[in-house]
Amino acid sequence: QVQLVESGGGSVQPGGSLRLSCAASLSIFNRYVMGWYRQAPGRQRELVATITSAGATNYADSVKGRFTISRDNAKKTVYLQMSSLMPEDTAAYYCNAQYSLSTTVYWGQGTQVTVSS
């Protein structure tokens, strides 16, 4: 059974930093585009960032220059380094795995990030 397990969420003051991790139990990790999405209360889930196995990245405009997505294919883990956090970054953050050769998608259970003074 595929599992995506997120960690690293928590509470932080505006301007602070957090690093999220997502460990994946995928048999062929490097065939998946990995991503982070977030969902704030009362809002739709939205893309934060994605990264291909080759390292090509894509970011939502709202996080460009503040967040960095990376992956370690040997450890089957994807990371999201978040800096200069703002209250509007408060949301549940979800790890996502999209198989590059089909429409198969997996989701993690989510980890909460709260930015507040």
Protein backbone atom coordinates (compact mmCIF):
# COMPACT_ATOMS: atom_id res chain seq x y z
CA GLN A 1 0.00 0.00 0.00
CA VAL A 2 1.37 3.37 -1.02
CA GLN A 3 1.92 5.83 1.79
CA LEU A 4 2.98 9.43 1.75
CA VAL A 5 3.86 10.57 5.25
CA GLU A 6 4.31 14.29 5.87
CA SER A 7 6.12 15.82 8.80
CA GLY A 8 7.54 19.16 9.87
CA GLY A 9 4.41 21.23 10.25
CA GLY A 10 3.78 23.45 13.24
CA SER A 11 3.24 26.98 14.44
CA VAL A 12 5.58 29.81 13.57
CA GLN A 13 5.60 33.60 13.75
CA PRO A 14 5.40 35.73 10.60
CA GLY A 15 8.78 35.89 8.93
CA GLY A 16 9.77 32.50 10.27
CA SER A 17 10.72 29.30 8.49
CA LEU A 18 9.64 25.68 8.43
CA ARG A 19 10.75 22.64 6.50
CA LEU A 20 8.22 20.02 5.50
CA SER A 21 9.20 16.48 4.59
CA CYS A 22 7.26 13.77 2.81
CA ALA A 23 8.50 10.19 2.90
CA ALA A 24 7.03 8.03 0.14
CA SER A 25 6.65 4.27 0.04
CA LEU A 26 6.64 4.27 -3.77
CA SER A 27 8.40 1.42 -5.52
CA ILE A 28 9.65 3.58 -8.40
CA PHE A 29 9.92 6.98 -6.77
CA ASN A 30 11.80 8.57 -9.64
CA ARG A 31 8.85 8.01 -12.00
CA TYR A 32 6.67 10.33 -9.97
CA VAL A 33 6.28 14.05 -10.13
CA MET A 34 6.13 15.09 -6.49
CA GLY A 35 4.29 18.10 -5.24
CA TRP A 36 2.98 20.06 -2.30
CA TYR A 37 -0.53 21.44 -2.15
CA ARG A 38 -2.28 23.36 0.60
CA GLN A 39 -5.81 23.96 1.75
CA ALA A 40 -6.91 26.72 4.07
CA PRO A 41 -10.28 26.56 5.88
CA GLY A 42 -13.12 27.43 3.52
CA ARG A 43 -10.86 27.43 0.47
CA GLN A 44 -10.07 24.97 -2.30
CA ARG A 45 -6.89 22.95 -2.28
CA GLU A 46 -4.22 24.76 -4.31
CA LEU A 47 -0.89 23.94 -5.83
CA VAL A 48 2.17 25.15 -3.94
CA ALA A 49 5.03 23.55 -5.86
CA THR A 50 5.98 20.52 -7.92
CA ILE A 51 9.25 18.84 -8.84
CA THR A 52 10.04 16.23 -11.48
CA SER A 53 12.50 13.40 -11.02
CA ALA A 54 15.02 15.42 -12.99
CA GLY A 55 14.62 18.35 -10.65
CA ALA A 56 12.51 20.71 -12.74
CA THR A 57 10.36 22.82 -10.45
CA ASN A 58 7.17 24.81 -10.65
CA TYR A 59 5.81 27.21 -8.03
CA ALA A 60 2.63 29.08 -7.33
CA ASP A 61 3.18 32.80 -7.78
CA SER A 62 2.29 33.40 -4.14
CA VAL A 63 5.29 31.40 -2.89
CA LYS A 64 7.93 32.13 -5.52
CA GLY A 65 11.13 33.36 -3.92
CA ARG A 66 10.04 32.20 -0.46
CA PHE A 67 9.53 28.44 -0.80
CA THR A 68 11.89 25.83 -2.25
CA ILE A 69 10.89 22.30 -3.20
CA SER A 70 13.52 19.58 -3.44
CA ARG A 71 13.70 15.80 -3.51
CA ASP A 72 16.09 13.04 -2.59
CA ASN A 73 15.37 10.12 -4.91
CA ALA A 74 17.58 7.75 -2.92
CA LYS A 75 15.62 8.48 0.26
CA LYS A 76 12.27 8.66 -1.58
CA THR A 77 11.60 11.95 0.15
CA VAL A 78 10.43 15.35 -1.01
CA TYR A 79 10.95 18.54 0.97
CA LEU A 80 9.42 21.99 1.11
CA GLN A 81 11.59 24.68 2.65
CA MET A 82 9.36 27.60 3.58
CA SER A 83 10.83 30.97 4.50
CA SER A 84 9.45 34.45 5.12
CA LEU A 85 6.20 32.85 6.16
CA MET A 86 3.08 34.98 6.22
CA PRO A 87 -0.27 34.48 7.94
CA GLU A 88 -1.84 33.74 4.57
CA ASP A 89 0.41 30.67 4.31
CA THR A 90 -1.60 29.10 7.13
CA ALA A 91 -3.12 25.89 5.80
CA ALA A 92 -2.97 22.13 5.84
CA TYR A 93 -0.14 21.10 3.51
CA TYR A 94 -0.48 17.89 1.51
CA CYS A 95 2.14 15.85 -0.26
CA ASN A 96 1.18 14.61 -3.72
CA ALA A 97 2.65 12.01 -6.05
CA GLN A 98 1.66 11.96 -9.72
CA TYR A 99 2.83 8.95 -11.74
CA SER A 100 4.47 10.25 -14.91
CA LEU A 101 3.11 7.46 -17.14
CA SER A 102 -0.53 7.49 -16.04
CA THR A 103 -3.15 9.46 -14.13
CA THR A 104 -2.39 7.67 -10.86
CA VAL A 105 -2.21 10.13 -7.98
CA TYR A 106 -1.49 9.61 -4.31
CA TRP A 107 -2.01 12.00 -1.40
CA GLY A 108 -0.60 12.24 2.08
CA GLN A 109 -2.69 12.85 5.17
CA GLY A 110 -1.59 16.47 5.52
CA THR A 111 0.37 18.47 8.03
CA GLN A 112 -0.82 21.75 9.55
CA VAL A 113 1.16 24.96 9.19
CA THR A 114 0.01 27.94 11.25
CA VAL A 115 1.62 31.36 10.89
CA SER A 116 0.55 33.74 13.60
CA SER A 117 1.97 36.30 15.97
